[in-house]
Amino acid sequence: MTTYIAHFNAKHRMIPMEQNSIFIWQQESGDIDINLLEDKIKRESSIHFYSLVANDPIEVKQDDIDIFVFKTVPFSG
Protein backbone atom coordinates (compact mmCIF):
# COMPACT_ATOMS: atom_id res chain seq x y z
CA MET A 1 0.00 0.00 0.00
CA THR A 2 1.11 3.50 -0.80
CA THR A 3 -0.03 6.62 1.04
CA TYR A 4 -0.94 9.60 -1.12
CA ILE A 5 -1.89 13.21 -0.44
CA ALA A 6 -4.11 15.37 -2.63
CA HIS A 7 -4.74 19.11 -2.66
CA PHE A 8 -8.37 19.76 -3.62
CA ASN A 9 -11.14 22.33 -3.77
CA ALA A 10 -14.82 21.59 -3.17
CA LYS A 11 -17.81 23.74 -4.10
CA HIS A 12 -21.38 23.15 -3.04
CA ARG A 13 -24.28 24.06 -5.31
CA MET A 14 -26.20 26.00 -2.62
CA ILE A 15 -23.78 26.74 0.23
CA PRO A 16 -21.62 29.77 -0.66
CA MET A 17 -18.41 28.50 0.92
CA GLU A 18 -15.51 26.63 -0.66
CA GLN A 19 -13.50 23.89 0.98
CA ASN A 20 -9.83 24.16 0.05
CA SER A 21 -8.01 21.35 1.77
CA ILE A 22 -5.88 18.22 1.57
CA PHE A 23 -6.91 14.58 1.65
CA ILE A 24 -4.73 11.62 2.61
CA TRP A 25 -5.55 8.04 1.59
CA GLN A 26 -3.94 4.69 0.91
CA GLN A 27 -4.20 2.52 -2.17
CA GLU A 28 -2.25 -0.08 -4.03
CA SER A 29 0.57 1.47 -6.01
CA GLY A 30 -0.32 2.48 -9.53
CA ASP A 31 -2.38 5.05 -11.37
CA ILE A 32 -4.76 7.22 -9.37
CA ASP A 33 -8.33 7.14 -10.65
CA ILE A 34 -9.41 10.78 -10.23
CA ASN A 35 -13.14 9.96 -10.43
CA LEU A 36 -12.84 7.42 -7.61
CA LEU A 37 -10.71 9.88 -5.61
CA GLU A 38 -13.29 12.66 -6.05
CA ASP A 39 -16.06 10.35 -4.81
CA LYS A 40 -13.91 9.30 -1.83
CA ILE A 41 -13.23 12.96 -0.95
CA LYS A 42 -16.96 13.75 -1.14
CA ARG A 43 -17.92 10.80 1.12
CA GLU A 44 -15.13 11.10 3.67
CA SER A 45 -14.52 14.86 3.85
CA SER A 46 -16.66 17.34 1.94
CA ILE A 47 -20.10 16.05 2.89
CA HIS A 48 -19.13 16.43 6.56
CA PHE A 49 -17.59 19.86 5.98
CA TYR A 50 -20.74 21.20 4.32
CA SER A 51 -23.00 19.61 6.94
CA LEU A 52 -20.98 21.46 9.58
CA VAL A 53 -20.99 24.90 7.92
CA ALA A 54 -24.58 24.89 6.62
CA ASN A 55 -26.59 27.66 8.30
CA ASP A 56 -29.92 26.05 7.54
CA PRO A 57 -30.75 22.46 8.36
CA ILE A 58 -30.45 21.36 4.74
CA GLU A 59 -29.65 17.85 3.66
CA VAL A 60 -26.18 17.82 2.13
CA LYS A 61 -26.01 15.46 -0.83
CA GLN A 62 -22.92 14.26 -2.65
CA ASP A 63 -24.45 15.19 -6.01
CA ASP A 64 -24.49 18.87 -4.92
CA ILE A 65 -20.70 18.95 -4.41
CA ASP A 66 -18.11 19.45 -7.13
CA ILE A 67 -14.51 18.46 -6.45
CA PHE A 68 -11.43 19.71 -8.29
CA VAL A 69 -8.16 17.92 -7.50
CA PHE A 70 -5.17 20.20 -8.06
CA LYS A 71 -2.36 17.73 -7.38
CA THR A 72 -1.66 14.28 -5.94
CA VAL A 73 1.71 12.96 -4.75
CA PRO A 74 2.98 10.05 -2.66
CA PHE A 75 3.10 10.98 1.02
CA SER A 76 5.57 9.72 3.58
CA GLY A 77 4.61 11.89 6.53
PDB file of N, CA and C in Angstrom:
ATOM      1  N   MET A   1       0.847  -1.191   0.000  1.00  0.00           N
ATOM      2  CA  MET A   1       0.000   0.000   0.000  1.00  0.00           C
ATOM      3  C   MET A   1       0.887   1.247   0.000  1.00  0.00           C
ATOM      4  N   THR A   2       0.418   2.216  -0.745  1.00  0.00           N
ATOM      5  CA  THR A   2       1.108   3.500  -0.799  1.00  0.00           C
ATOM      6  C   THR A   2       0.175   4.568  -0.246  1.00  0.00           C
ATOM      7  N   THR A   3       0.734   5.483   0.522  1.00  0.00           N
ATOM      8  CA  THR A   3      -0.031   6.616   1.041  1.00  0.00           C
ATOM      9  C   THR A   3       0.156   7.788   0.087  1.00  0.00           C
ATOM     10  N   TYR A   4      -0.955   8.445  -0.225  1.00  0.00           N
ATOM     11  CA  TYR A   4      -0.942   9.600  -1.123  1.00  0.00           C
ATOM     12  C   TYR A   4      -1.584  10.792  -0.419  1.00  0.00           C
ATOM     13  N   ILE A   5      -1.261  11.979  -0.922  1.00  0.00           N
ATOM     14  CA  ILE A   5      -1.890  13.209  -0.441  1.00  0.00           C
ATOM     15  C   ILE A   5      -2.369  13.989  -1.663  1.00  0.00           C
ATOM     16  N   ALA A   6      -3.539  14.591  -1.534  1.00  0.00           N
ATOM     17  CA  ALA A   6      -4.110  15.373  -2.631  1.00  0.00           C
ATOM     18  C   ALA A   6      -4.508  16.754  -2.115  1.00  0.00           C
ATOM     19  N   HIS A   7      -4.257  17.761  -2.922  1.00  0.00           N
ATOM     20  CA  HIS A   7      -4.741  19.114  -2.661  1.00  0.00           C
ATOM     21  C   HIS A   7      -5.996  19.282  -3.515  1.00  0.00           C
ATOM     22  N   PHE A   8      -7.111  19.671  -2.879  1.00  0.00           N
ATOM     23  CA  PHE A   8      -8.370  19.759  -3.615  1.00  0.00           C
ATOM     24  C   PHE A   8      -9.184  20.973  -3.198  1.00  0.00           C
ATOM     25  N   ASN A   9     -10.175  21.275  -4.035  1.00  0.00           N
ATOM     26  CA  ASN A   9     -11.143  22.329  -3.771  1.00  0.00           C
ATOM     27  C   ASN A   9     -12.532  21.735  -3.979  1.00  0.00           C
ATOM     28  N   ALA A  10     -13.443  22.052  -3.070  1.00  0.00           N
ATOM     29  CA  ALA A  10     -14.817  21.586  -3.173  1.00  0.00           C
ATOM     30  C   ALA A  10     -15.754  22.790  -3.187  1.00  0.00           C
ATOM     31  N   LYS A  11     -16.791  22.693  -4.027  1.00  0.00           N
ATOM     32  CA  LYS A  11     -17.812  23.740  -4.098  1.00  0.00           C
ATOM     33  C   LYS A  11     -19.171  23.078  -4.019  1.00  0.00           C
ATOM     34  N   HIS A  12     -20.028  23.654  -3.184  1.00  0.00           N
ATOM     35  CA  HIS A  12     -21.384  23.151  -3.039  1.00  0.00           C
ATOM     36  C   HIS A  12     -22.322  24.000  -3.895  1.00  0.00           C
ATOM     37  N   ARG A  13     -23.333  23.381  -4.427  1.00  0.00           N
ATOM     38  CA  ARG A  13     -24.280  24.061  -5.309  1.00  0.00           C
ATOM     39  C   ARG A  13     -25.045  25.178  -4.611  1.00  0.00           C
ATOM     40  N   MET A  14     -25.358  25.015  -3.312  1.00  0.00           N
ATOM     41  CA  MET A  14     -26.203  26.004  -2.616  1.00  0.00           C
ATOM     42  C   MET A  14     -25.482  26.724  -1.478  1.00  0.00           C
ATOM     43  N   ILE A  15     -24.481  26.136  -0.904  1.00  0.00           N
ATOM     44  CA  ILE A  15     -23.780  26.741   0.232  1.00  0.00           C
ATOM     45  C   ILE A  15     -22.617  27.569  -0.310  1.00  0.00           C
ATOM     46  N   PRO A  16     -22.615  28.879  -0.045  1.00  0.00           N
ATOM     47  CA  PRO A  16     -21.620  29.769  -0.657  1.00  0.00           C
ATOM     48  C   PRO A  16     -20.263  29.773   0.065  1.00  0.00           C
ATOM     49  N   MET A  17     -19.708  28.611   0.272  1.00  0.00           N
ATOM     50  CA  MET A  17     -18.412  28.504   0.920  1.00  0.00           C
ATOM     51  C   MET A  17     -17.636  27.400   0.209  1.00  0.00           C
ATOM     52  N   GLU A  18     -16.340  27.628  -0.013  1.00  0.00           N
ATOM     53  CA  GLU A  18     -15.508  26.627  -0.655  1.00  0.00           C
ATOM     54  C   GLU A  18     -14.629  25.931   0.377  1.00  0.00           C
ATOM     55  N   GLN A  19     -14.419  24.662   0.156  1.00  0.00           N
ATOM     56  CA  GLN A  19     -13.499  23.888   0.980  1.00  0.00           C
ATOM     57  C   GLN A  19     -12.211  23.729   0.175  1.00  0.00           C
ATOM     58  N   ASN A  20     -11.137  24.278   0.681  1.00  0.00           N
ATOM     59  CA  ASN A  20      -9.825  24.162   0.054  1.00  0.00           C
ATOM     60  C   ASN A  20      -8.955  23.428   1.056  1.00  0.00           C
ATOM     61  N   SER A  21      -8.617  22.177   0.748  1.00  0.00           N
ATOM     62  CA  SER A  21      -8.005  21.354   1.770  1.00  0.00           C
ATOM     63  C   SER A  21      -7.116  20.279   1.150  1.00  0.00           C
ATOM     64  N   ILE A  22      -6.650  19.373   2.016  1.00  0.00           N
ATOM     65  CA  ILE A  22      -5.883  18.220   1.573  1.00  0.00           C
ATOM     66  C   ILE A  22      -6.618  16.959   1.995  1.00  0.00           C
ATOM     67  N   PHE A  23      -6.297  15.866   1.347  1.00  0.00           N
ATOM     68  CA  PHE A  23      -6.912  14.580   1.648  1.00  0.00           C
ATOM     69  C   PHE A  23      -5.822  13.530   1.557  1.00  0.00           C
ATOM     70  N   ILE A  24      -5.738  12.673   2.558  1.00  0.00           N
ATOM     71  CA  ILE A  24      -4.734  11.616   2.605  1.00  0.00           C
ATOM     72  C   ILE A  24      -5.451  10.273   2.551  1.00  0.00           C
ATOM     73  N   TRP A  25      -4.958   9.364   1.706  1.00  0.00           N
ATOM     74  CA  TRP A  25      -5.554   8.038   1.590  1.00  0.00           C
ATOM     75  C   TRP A  25      -4.486   7.036   1.188  1.00  0.00           C
ATOM     76  N   GLN A  26      -4.840   5.770   1.311  1.00  0.00           N
ATOM     77  CA  GLN A  26      -3.942   4.693   0.906  1.00  0.00           C
ATOM     78  C   GLN A  26      -4.582   3.880  -0.205  1.00  0.00           C
ATOM     79  N   GLN A  27      -3.738   3.408  -1.116  1.00  0.00           N
ATOM     80  CA  GLN A  27      -4.202   2.525  -2.168  1.00  0.00           C
ATOM     81  C   GLN A  27      -3.011   1.717  -2.653  1.00  0.00           C
ATOM     82  N   GLU A  28      -3.312   0.680  -3.400  1.00  0.00           N
ATOM     83  CA  GLU A  28      -2.252  -0.082  -4.032  1.00  0.00           C
ATOM     84  C   GLU A  28      -1.495   0.852  -4.968  1.00  0.00           C
ATOM     85  N   SER A  29      -0.230   0.641  -5.108  1.00  0.00           N
ATOM     86  CA  SER A  29       0.571   1.469  -6.015  1.00  0.00           C
ATOM     87  C   SER A  29      -0.001   1.396  -7.423  1.00  0.00           C
ATOM     88  N   GLY A  30       0.188   2.449  -8.164  1.00  0.00           N
ATOM     89  CA  GLY A  30      -0.319   2.482  -9.530  1.00  0.00           C
ATOM     90  C   GLY A  30      -0.991   3.795  -9.824  1.00  0.00           C
ATOM     91  N   ASP A  31      -1.696   3.827 -10.942  1.00  0.00           N
ATOM     92  CA  ASP A  31      -2.380   5.051 -11.366  1.00  0.00           C
ATOM     93  C   ASP A  31      -3.498   5.417 -10.405  1.00  0.00           C
ATOM     94  N   ILE A  32      -3.679   6.713 -10.215  1.00  0.00           N
ATOM     95  CA  ILE A  32      -4.756   7.225  -9.368  1.00  0.00           C
ATOM     96  C   ILE A  32      -5.959   7.500 -10.261  1.00  0.00           C
ATOM     97  N   ASP A  33      -7.087   6.904  -9.928  1.00  0.00           N
ATOM     98  CA  ASP A  33      -8.334   7.144 -10.650  1.00  0.00           C
ATOM     99  C   ASP A  33      -8.982   8.395 -10.042  1.00  0.00           C
ATOM    100  N   ILE A  34      -8.921   9.503 -10.758  1.00  0.00           N
ATOM    101  CA  ILE A  34      -9.410  10.782 -10.232  1.00  0.00           C
ATOM    102  C   ILE A  34     -10.896  10.731  -9.910  1.00  0.00           C
ATOM    103  N   ASN A  35     -11.702  10.048 -10.713  1.00  0.00           N
ATOM    104  CA  ASN A  35     -13.141   9.959 -10.430  1.00  0.00           C
ATOM    105  C   ASN A  35     -13.399   9.228  -9.112  1.00  0.00           C
ATOM    106  N   LEU A  36     -12.683   8.134  -8.884  1.00  0.00           N
ATOM    107  CA  LEU A  36     -12.836   7.423  -7.611  1.00  0.00           C
ATOM    108  C   LEU A  36     -12.342   8.277  -6.450  1.00  0.00           C
ATOM    109  N   LEU A  37     -11.247   9.003  -6.659  1.00  0.00           N
ATOM    110  CA  LEU A  37     -10.714   9.882  -5.611  1.00  0.00           C
ATOM    111  C   LEU A  37     -11.709  10.990  -5.282  1.00  0.00           C
ATOM    112  N   GLU A  38     -12.303  11.606  -6.295  1.00  0.00           N
ATOM    113  CA  GLU A  38     -13.289  12.662  -6.052  1.00  0.00           C
ATOM    114  C   GLU A  38     -14.473  12.135  -5.244  1.00  0.00           C
ATOM    115  N   ASP A  39     -14.957  10.951  -5.572  1.00  0.00           N
ATOM    116  CA  ASP A  39     -16.063  10.351  -4.810  1.00  0.00           C
ATOM    117  C   ASP A  39     -15.648  10.067  -3.371  1.00  0.00           C
ATOM    118  N   LYS A  40     -14.428   9.589  -3.181  1.00  0.00           N
ATOM    119  CA  LYS A  40     -13.914   9.304  -1.834  1.00  0.00           C
ATOM    120  C   LYS A  40     -13.812  10.597  -1.018  1.00  0.00           C
ATOM    121  N   ILE A  41     -13.328  11.667  -1.632  1.00  0.00           N
ATOM    122  CA  ILE A  41     -13.232  12.959  -0.945  1.00  0.00           C
ATOM    123  C   ILE A  41     -14.623  13.451  -0.552  1.00  0.00           C
ATOM    124  N   LYS A  42     -15.590  13.331  -1.456  1.00  0.00           N
ATOM    125  CA  LYS A  42     -16.963  13.750  -1.137  1.00  0.00           C
ATOM    126  C   LYS A  42     -17.496  12.990   0.072  1.00  0.00           C
ATOM    127  N   ARG A  43     -17.363  11.648   0.053  1.00  0.00           N
ATOM    128  CA  ARG A  43     -17.917  10.801   1.116  1.00  0.00           C
ATOM    129  C   ARG A  43     -17.228  11.009   2.455  1.00  0.00           C
ATOM    130  N   GLU A  44     -15.895  11.124   2.434  1.00  0.00           N
ATOM    131  CA  GLU A  44     -15.131  11.099   3.675  1.00  0.00           C
ATOM    132  C   GLU A  44     -14.742  12.475   4.196  1.00  0.00           C
ATOM    133  N   SER A  45     -14.925  13.532   3.402  1.00  0.00           N
ATOM    134  CA  SER A  45     -14.519  14.862   3.854  1.00  0.00           C
ATOM    135  C   SER A  45     -15.572  15.931   3.576  1.00  0.00           C
ATOM    136  N   SER A  46     -15.857  16.172   2.308  1.00  0.00           N
ATOM    137  CA  SER A  46     -16.664  17.336   1.941  1.00  0.00           C
ATOM    138  C   SER A  46     -18.103  17.289   2.432  1.00  0.00           C
ATOM    139  N   ILE A  47     -18.715  16.130   2.411  1.00  0.00           N
ATOM    140  CA  ILE A  47     -20.104  16.049   2.886  1.00  0.00           C
ATOM    141  C   ILE A  47     -20.182  16.427   4.371  1.00  0.00           C
ATOM    142  N   HIS A  48     -19.169  16.072   5.136  1.00  0.00           N
ATOM    143  CA  HIS A  48     -19.130  16.426   6.563  1.00  0.00           C
ATOM    144  C   HIS A  48     -18.819  17.907   6.752  1.00  0.00           C
ATOM    145  N   PHE A  49     -17.914  18.430   5.931  1.00  0.00           N
ATOM    146  CA  PHE A  49     -17.585  19.856   5.977  1.00  0.00           C
ATOM    147  C   PHE A  49     -18.830  20.696   5.729  1.00  0.00           C
ATOM    148  N   TYR A  50     -19.563  20.394   4.653  1.00  0.00           N
ATOM    149  CA  TYR A  50     -20.742  21.198   4.325  1.00  0.00           C
ATOM    150  C   TYR A  50     -21.892  20.984   5.307  1.00  0.00           C
ATOM    151  N   SER A  51     -21.993  19.822   5.894  1.00  0.00           N
ATOM    152  CA  SER A  51     -22.998  19.610   6.945  1.00  0.00           C
ATOM    153  C   SER A  51     -22.681  20.474   8.162  1.00  0.00           C
ATOM    154  N   LEU A  52     -21.410  20.663   8.435  1.00  0.00           N
ATOM    155  CA  LEU A  52     -20.979  21.460   9.583  1.00  0.00           C
ATOM    156  C   LEU A  52     -21.213  22.955   9.359  1.00  0.00           C
ATOM    157  N   VAL A  53     -20.914  23.451   8.153  1.00  0.00           N
ATOM    158  CA  VAL A  53     -20.988  24.895   7.924  1.00  0.00           C
ATOM    159  C   VAL A  53     -22.354  25.381   7.432  1.00  0.00           C
ATOM    160  N   ALA A  54     -23.258  24.475   7.121  1.00  0.00           N
ATOM    161  CA  ALA A  54     -24.579  24.888   6.624  1.00  0.00           C
ATOM    162  C   ALA A  54     -25.323  25.664   7.704  1.00  0.00           C
ATOM    163  N   ASN A  55     -25.830  26.851   7.347  1.00  0.00           N
ATOM    164  CA  ASN A  55     -26.595  27.664   8.296  1.00  0.00           C
ATOM    165  C   ASN A  55     -27.984  27.093   8.511  1.00  0.00           C
ATOM    166  N   ASP A  56     -28.580  26.623   7.461  1.00  0.00           N
ATOM    167  CA  ASP A  56     -29.918  26.049   7.540  1.00  0.00           C
ATOM    168  C   ASP A  56     -29.803  24.539   7.659  1.00  0.00           C
ATOM    169  N   PRO A  57     -30.789  23.922   8.252  1.00  0.00           N
ATOM    170  CA  PRO A  57     -30.746  22.458   8.358  1.00  0.00           C
ATOM    171  C   PRO A  57     -31.089  21.791   7.021  1.00  0.00           C
ATOM    172  N   ILE A  58     -30.210  21.975   6.040  1.00  0.00           N
ATOM    173  CA  ILE A  58     -30.446  21.360   4.736  1.00  0.00           C
ATOM    174  C   ILE A  58     -29.747  20.006   4.680  1.00  0.00           C
ATOM    175  N   GLU A  59     -30.279  19.144   3.856  1.00  0.00           N
ATOM    176  CA  GLU A  59     -29.649  17.849   3.656  1.00  0.00           C
ATOM    177  C   GLU A  59     -28.535  18.026   2.628  1.00  0.00           C
ATOM    178  N   VAL A  60     -27.322  17.706   3.025  1.00  0.00           N
ATOM    179  CA  VAL A  60     -26.182  17.824   2.131  1.00  0.00           C
ATOM    180  C   VAL A  60     -26.053  16.520   1.354  1.00  0.00           C
ATOM    181  N   LYS A  61     -26.087  16.633   0.026  1.00  0.00           N
ATOM    182  CA  LYS A  61     -26.008  15.464  -0.834  1.00  0.00           C
ATOM    183  C   LYS A  61     -24.708  15.509  -1.635  1.00  0.00           C
ATOM    184  N   GLN A  62     -24.157  14.337  -1.887  1.00  0.00           N
ATOM    185  CA  GLN A  62     -22.917  14.255  -2.648  1.00  0.00           C
ATOM    186  C   GLN A  62     -23.060  14.854  -4.045  1.00  0.00           C
ATOM    187  N   ASP A  63     -24.230  14.693  -4.649  1.00  0.00           N
ATOM    188  CA  ASP A  63     -24.448  15.195  -6.006  1.00  0.00           C
ATOM    189  C   ASP A  63     -24.397  16.718  -6.091  1.00  0.00           C
ATOM    190  N   ASP A  64     -24.515  17.410  -4.951  1.00  0.00           N
ATOM    191  CA  ASP A  64     -24.485  18.868  -4.923  1.00  0.00           C
ATOM    192  C   ASP A  64     -23.069  19.422  -4.736  1.00  0.00           C
ATOM    193  N   ILE A  65     -22.079  18.548  -4.661  1.00  0.00           N
ATOM    194  CA  ILE A  65     -20.698  18.952  -4.407  1.00  0.00           C
ATOM    195  C   ILE A  65     -19.849  18.641  -5.638  1.00  0.00           C
ATOM    196  N   ASP A  66     -19.083  19.635  -6.053  1.00  0.00           N
ATOM    197  CA  ASP A  66     -18.112  19.446  -7.132  1.00  0.00           C
ATOM    198  C   ASP A  66     -16.708  19.494  -6.534  1.00  0.00           C
ATOM    199  N   ILE A  67     -15.872  18.558  -6.941  1.00  0.00           N
ATOM    200  CA  ILE A  67     -14.506  18.460  -6.450  1.00  0.00           C
ATOM    201  C   ILE A  67     -13.546  18.724  -7.605  1.00  0.00           C
ATOM    202  N   PHE A  68     -12.519  19.519  -7.339  1.00  0.00           N
ATOM    203  CA  PHE A  68     -11.427  19.708  -8.287  1.00  0.00           C
ATOM    204  C   PHE A  68     -10.134  19.350  -7.576  1.00  0.00           C
ATOM    205  N   VAL A  69      -9.433  18.351  -8.087  1.00  0.00           N
ATOM    206  CA  VAL A  69      -8.162  17.923  -7.500  1.00  0.00           C
ATOM    207  C   VAL A  69      -7.043  18.650  -8.233  1.00  0.00           C
ATOM    208  N   PHE A  70      -6.279  19.444  -7.476  1.00  0.00           N
ATOM    209  CA  PHE A  70      -5.175  20.200  -8.063  1.00  0.00           C
ATOM    210  C   PHE A  70      -3.958  19.314  -8.313  1.00  0.00           C
ATOM    211  N   LYS A  71      -3.612  18.488  -7.294  1.00  0.00           N
ATOM    212  CA  LYS A  71      -2.361  17.728  -7.378  1.00  0.00           C
ATOM    213  C   LYS A  71      -2.422  16.556  -6.421  1.00  0.00           C
ATOM    214  N   THR A  72      -1.817  15.449  -6.825  1.00  0.00           N
ATOM    215  CA  THR A  72      -1.661  14.282  -5.940  1.00  0.00           C
ATOM    216  C   THR A  72      -0.205  13.846  -5.992  1.00  0.00           C
ATOM    217  N   VAL A  73       0.324  13.449  -4.828  1.00  0.00           N
ATOM    218  CA  VAL A  73       1.708  12.957  -4.746  1.00  0.00           C
ATOM    219  C   VAL A  73       1.779  11.895  -3.673  1.00  0.00           C
ATOM    220  N   PRO A  74       2.762  10.997  -3.760  1.00  0.00           N
ATOM    221  CA  PRO A  74       2.977  10.055  -2.660  1.00  0.00           C
ATOM    222  C   PRO A  74       3.330  10.828  -1.394  1.00  0.00           C
ATOM    223  N   PHE A  75       2.937  10.294  -0.257  1.00  0.00           N
ATOM    224  CA  PHE A  75       3.104  10.985   1.023  1.00  0.00           C
ATOM    225  C   PHE A  75       3.793  10.050   1.999  1.00  0.00           C
ATOM    226  N   SER A  76       4.839  10.555   2.631  1.00  0.00           N
ATOM    227  CA  SER A  76       5.569   9.716   3.580  1.00  0.00           C
ATOM    228  C   SER A  76       5.561  10.295   4.981  1.00  0.00           C
ATOM    229  N   GLY A  77       4.643  11.210   5.250  1.00  0.00           N
ATOM    230  CA  GLY A  77       4.606  11.889   6.532  1.00  0.00           C
ATOM    231  C   GLY A  77       3.881  11.113   7.520  1.00  0.00           C
TER     232      GLY A  77
END
